[in-house]
Amino acid sequence: MGIVLYALMAYGLTAVLSLLVVAIIVGISKLTGKGGPAEDGGEED
């Protein structure tokens, strides 16, 4: 296996795991009934 193929495989695996973690977090957030962090328009003023 070439180093380029190995690097691409590792990069792809990292991207898939990141998206999976984000999907799990979003799913838990929806299940608990809480909205996103900026759903109410923000209060930074």
PDB file of N, CA and C in Angstrom:
ATOM      1  N   MET A   1       0.855  -1.190   0.000  1.00  0.00           N
ATOM      2  CA  MET A   1       0.000   0.000   0.000  1.00  0.00           C
ATOM      3  C   MET A   1       0.893   1.243   0.000  1.00  0.00           C
ATOM      4  N   GLY A   2       0.622   2.155  -0.913  1.00  0.00           N
ATOM      5  CA  GLY A   2       1.424   3.370  -0.992  1.00  0.00           C
ATOM      6  C   GLY A   2       1.089   4.343   0.129  1.00  0.00           C
ATOM      7  N   ILE A   3       2.019   5.227   0.364  1.00  0.00           N
ATOM      8  CA  ILE A   3       1.831   6.201   1.451  1.00  0.00           C
ATOM      9  C   ILE A   3       0.688   7.161   1.137  1.00  0.00           C
ATOM     10  N   VAL A   4       0.507   7.492  -0.138  1.00  0.00           N
ATOM     11  CA  VAL A   4      -0.575   8.406  -0.517  1.00  0.00           C
ATOM     12  C   VAL A   4      -1.933   7.740  -0.277  1.00  0.00           C
ATOM     13  N   LEU A   5      -2.049   6.482  -0.656  1.00  0.00           N
ATOM     14  CA  LEU A   5      -3.303   5.752  -0.439  1.00  0.00           C
ATOM     15  C   LEU A   5      -3.591   5.628   1.052  1.00  0.00           C
ATOM     16  N   TYR A   6      -2.556   5.353   1.830  1.00  0.00           N
ATOM     17  CA  TYR A   6      -2.732   5.235   3.274  1.00  0.00           C
ATOM     18  C   TYR A   6      -3.165   6.568   3.883  1.00  0.00           C
ATOM     19  N   ALA A   7      -2.565   7.672   3.423  1.00  0.00           N
ATOM     20  CA  ALA A   7      -2.923   8.994   3.931  1.00  0.00           C
ATOM     21  C   ALA A   7      -4.366   9.340   3.574  1.00  0.00           C
ATOM     22  N   LEU A   8      -4.772   9.032   2.351  1.00  0.00           N
ATOM     23  CA  LEU A   8      -6.152   9.301   1.941  1.00  0.00           C
ATOM     24  C   LEU A   8      -7.138   8.461   2.743  1.00  0.00           C
ATOM     25  N   MET A   9      -6.777   7.210   3.014  1.00  0.00           N
ATOM     26  CA  MET A   9      -7.652   6.347   3.795  1.00  0.00           C
ATOM     27  C   MET A   9      -7.798   6.872   5.225  1.00  0.00           C
ATOM     28  N   ALA A  10      -6.684   7.303   5.815  1.00  0.00           N
ATOM     29  CA  ALA A  10      -6.732   7.840   7.172  1.00  0.00           C
ATOM     30  C   ALA A  10      -7.546   9.129   7.213  1.00  0.00           C
ATOM     31  N   TYR A  11      -7.375   9.983   6.195  1.00  0.00           N
ATOM     32  CA  TYR A  11      -8.127  11.239   6.119  1.00  0.00           C
ATOM     33  C   TYR A  11      -9.624  10.955   5.979  1.00  0.00           C
ATOM     34  N   GLY A  12      -9.969  10.012   5.119  1.00  0.00           N
ATOM     35  CA  GLY A  12     -11.370   9.658   4.928  1.00  0.00           C
ATOM     36  C   GLY A  12     -11.984   9.079   6.192  1.00  0.00           C
ATOM     37  N   LEU A  13     -11.233   8.225   6.895  1.00  0.00           N
ATOM     38  CA  LEU A  13     -11.732   7.643   8.137  1.00  0.00           C
ATOM     39  C   LEU A  13     -11.956   8.727   9.187  1.00  0.00           C
ATOM     40  N   THR A  14     -11.047   9.694   9.255  1.00  0.00           N
ATOM     41  CA  THR A  14     -11.200  10.799  10.195  1.00  0.00           C
ATOM     42  C   THR A  14     -12.444  11.628   9.873  1.00  0.00           C
ATOM     43  N   ALA A  15     -12.669  11.892   8.592  1.00  0.00           N
ATOM     44  CA  ALA A  15     -13.843  12.667   8.183  1.00  0.00           C
ATOM     45  C   ALA A  15     -15.129  11.919   8.528  1.00  0.00           C
ATOM     46  N   VAL A  16     -15.162  10.614   8.275  1.00  0.00           N
ATOM     47  CA  VAL A  16     -16.355   9.822   8.568  1.00  0.00           C
ATOM     48  C   VAL A  16     -16.631   9.798  10.076  1.00  0.00           C
ATOM     49  N   LEU A  17     -15.588   9.616  10.874  1.00  0.00           N
ATOM     50  CA  LEU A  17     -15.782   9.602  12.324  1.00  0.00           C
ATOM     51  C   LEU A  17     -16.255  10.957  12.830  1.00  0.00           C
ATOM     52  N   SER A  18     -15.718  12.041  12.273  1.00  0.00           N
ATOM     53  CA  SER A  18     -16.137  13.381  12.692  1.00  0.00           C
ATOM     54  C   SER A  18     -17.617  13.604  12.381  1.00  0.00           C
ATOM     55  N   LEU A  19     -18.033  13.241  11.180  1.00  0.00           N
ATOM     56  CA  LEU A  19     -19.439  13.405  10.810  1.00  0.00           C
ATOM     57  C   LEU A  19     -20.335  12.531  11.679  1.00  0.00           C
ATOM     58  N   LEU A  20     -19.867  11.340  12.020  1.00  0.00           N
ATOM     59  CA  LEU A  20     -20.645  10.452  12.871  1.00  0.00           C
ATOM     60  C   LEU A  20     -20.830  11.047  14.262  1.00  0.00           C
ATOM     61  N   VAL A  21     -19.768  11.625  14.810  1.00  0.00           N
ATOM     62  CA  VAL A  21     -19.859  12.253  16.130  1.00  0.00           C
ATOM     63  C   VAL A  21     -20.819  13.438  16.089  1.00  0.00           C
ATOM     64  N   VAL A  22     -20.736  14.249  15.043  1.00  0.00           N
ATOM     65  CA  VAL A  22     -21.644  15.394  14.909  1.00  0.00           C
ATOM     66  C   VAL A  22     -23.088  14.915  14.797  1.00  0.00           C
ATOM     67  N   ALA A  23     -23.312  13.855  14.021  1.00  0.00           N
ATOM     68  CA  ALA A  23     -24.668  13.322  13.863  1.00  0.00           C
ATOM     69  C   ALA A  23     -25.209  12.812  15.200  1.00  0.00           C
ATOM     70  N   ILE A  24     -24.368  12.165  15.986  1.00  0.00           N
ATOM     71  CA  ILE A  24     -24.807  11.679  17.298  1.00  0.00           C
ATOM     72  C   ILE A  24     -25.162  12.843  18.215  1.00  0.00           C
ATOM     73  N   ILE A  25     -24.338  13.884  18.207  1.00  0.00           N
ATOM     74  CA  ILE A  25     -24.605  15.046  19.060  1.00  0.00           C
ATOM     75  C   ILE A  25     -25.910  15.721  18.646  1.00  0.00           C
ATOM     76  N   VAL A  26     -26.120  15.895  17.353  1.00  0.00           N
ATOM     77  CA  VAL A  26     -27.352  16.522  16.864  1.00  0.00           C
ATOM     78  C   VAL A  26     -28.563  15.666  17.220  1.00  0.00           C
ATOM     79  N   GLY A  27     -28.420  14.346  17.085  1.00  0.00           N
ATOM     80  CA  GLY A  27     -29.526  13.453  17.422  1.00  0.00           C
ATOM     81  C   GLY A  27     -29.876  13.527  18.898  1.00  0.00           C
ATOM     82  N   ILE A  28     -28.879  13.539  19.757  1.00  0.00           N
ATOM     83  CA  ILE A  28     -29.137  13.656  21.194  1.00  0.00           C
ATOM     84  C   ILE A  28     -29.784  15.002  21.509  1.00  0.00           C
ATOM     85  N   SER A  29     -29.317  16.048  20.852  1.00  0.00           N
ATOM     86  CA  SER A  29     -29.879  17.377  21.073  1.00  0.00           C
ATOM     87  C   SER A  29     -31.359  17.408  20.681  1.00  0.00           C
ATOM     88  N   LYS A  30     -31.697  16.778  19.560  1.00  0.00           N
ATOM     89  CA  LYS A  30     -33.096  16.744  19.134  1.00  0.00           C
ATOM     90  C   LYS A  30     -33.938  15.886  20.077  1.00  0.00           C
ATOM     91  N   LEU A  31     -33.374  14.794  20.554  1.00  0.00           N
ATOM     92  CA  LEU A  31     -34.126  13.918  21.453  1.00  0.00           C
ATOM     93  C   LEU A  31     -34.406  14.591  22.792  1.00  0.00           C
ATOM     94  N   THR A  32     -33.485  15.404  23.267  1.00  0.00           N
ATOM     95  CA  THR A  32     -33.682  16.069  24.552  1.00  0.00           C
ATOM     96  C   THR A  32     -34.567  17.306  24.411  1.00  0.00           C
ATOM     97  N   GLY A  33     -34.884  17.704  23.177  1.00  0.00           N
ATOM     98  CA  GLY A  33     -35.793  18.817  22.957  1.00  0.00           C
ATOM     99  C   GLY A  33     -35.134  20.174  23.012  1.00  0.00           C
ATOM    100  N   LYS A  34     -33.830  20.212  23.161  1.00  0.00           N
ATOM    101  CA  LYS A  34     -33.154  21.501  23.198  1.00  0.00           C
ATOM    102  C   LYS A  34     -32.792  21.931  21.785  1.00  0.00           C
ATOM    103  N   GLY A  35     -32.894  23.230  21.521  1.00  0.00           N
ATOM    104  CA  GLY A  35     -32.575  23.745  20.203  1.00  0.00           C
ATOM    105  C   GLY A  35     -31.083  23.982  20.062  1.00  0.00           C
ATOM    106  N   GLY A  36     -30.725  24.582  18.932  1.00  0.00           N
ATOM    107  CA  GLY A  36     -29.322  24.902  18.681  1.00  0.00           C
ATOM    108  C   GLY A  36     -28.869  26.056  19.548  1.00  0.00           C
ATOM    109  N   PRO A  37     -27.574  26.332  19.563  1.00  0.00           N
ATOM    110  CA  PRO A  37     -27.039  27.395  20.416  1.00  0.00           C
ATOM    111  C   PRO A  37     -27.490  28.794  19.990  1.00  0.00           C
ATOM    112  N   ALA A  38     -27.846  28.984  18.710  1.00  0.00           N
ATOM    113  CA  ALA A  38     -28.217  30.313  18.231  1.00  0.00           C
ATOM    114  C   ALA A  38     -29.677  30.364  17.783  1.00  0.00           C
ATOM    115  N   GLU A  39     -30.485  29.495  18.337  1.00  0.00           N
ATOM    116  CA  GLU A  39     -31.872  29.403  17.890  1.00  0.00           C
ATOM    117  C   GLU A  39     -32.686  30.630  18.317  1.00  0.00           C
ATOM    118  N   ASP A  40     -32.352  31.213  19.457  1.00  0.00           N
ATOM    119  CA  ASP A  40     -33.136  32.347  19.953  1.00  0.00           C
ATOM    120  C   ASP A  40     -32.594  33.695  19.490  1.00  0.00           C
ATOM    121  N   GLY A  41     -31.685  33.693  18.516  1.00  0.00           N
ATOM    122  CA  GLY A  41     -31.187  34.955  17.965  1.00  0.00           C
ATOM    123  C   GLY A  41     -29.911  35.443  18.613  1.00  0.00           C
ATOM    124  N   GLY A  42     -29.522  34.857  19.689  1.00  0.00           N
ATOM    125  CA  GLY A  42     -28.275  35.258  20.334  1.00  0.00           C
ATOM    126  C   GLY A  42     -28.486  36.384  21.319  1.00  0.00           C
ATOM    127  N   GLU A  43     -27.625  36.487  22.306  1.00  0.00           N
ATOM    128  CA  GLU A  43     -27.738  37.508  23.338  1.00  0.00           C
ATOM    129  C   GLU A  43     -26.376  38.160  23.598  1.00  0.00           C
ATOM    130  N   GLU A  44     -25.588  38.334  22.518  1.00  0.00           N
ATOM    131  CA  GLU A  44     -24.224  38.840  22.700  1.00  0.00           C
ATOM    132  C   GLU A  44     -24.154  40.363  22.864  1.00  0.00           C
ATOM    133  N   ASP A  45     -25.257  41.047  22.598  1.00  0.00           N
ATOM    134  CA  ASP A  45     -25.215  42.507  22.723  1.00  0.00           C
ATOM    135  C   ASP A  45     -25.155  42.881  24.169  1.00  0.00           C
TER     136      ASP A  45
END
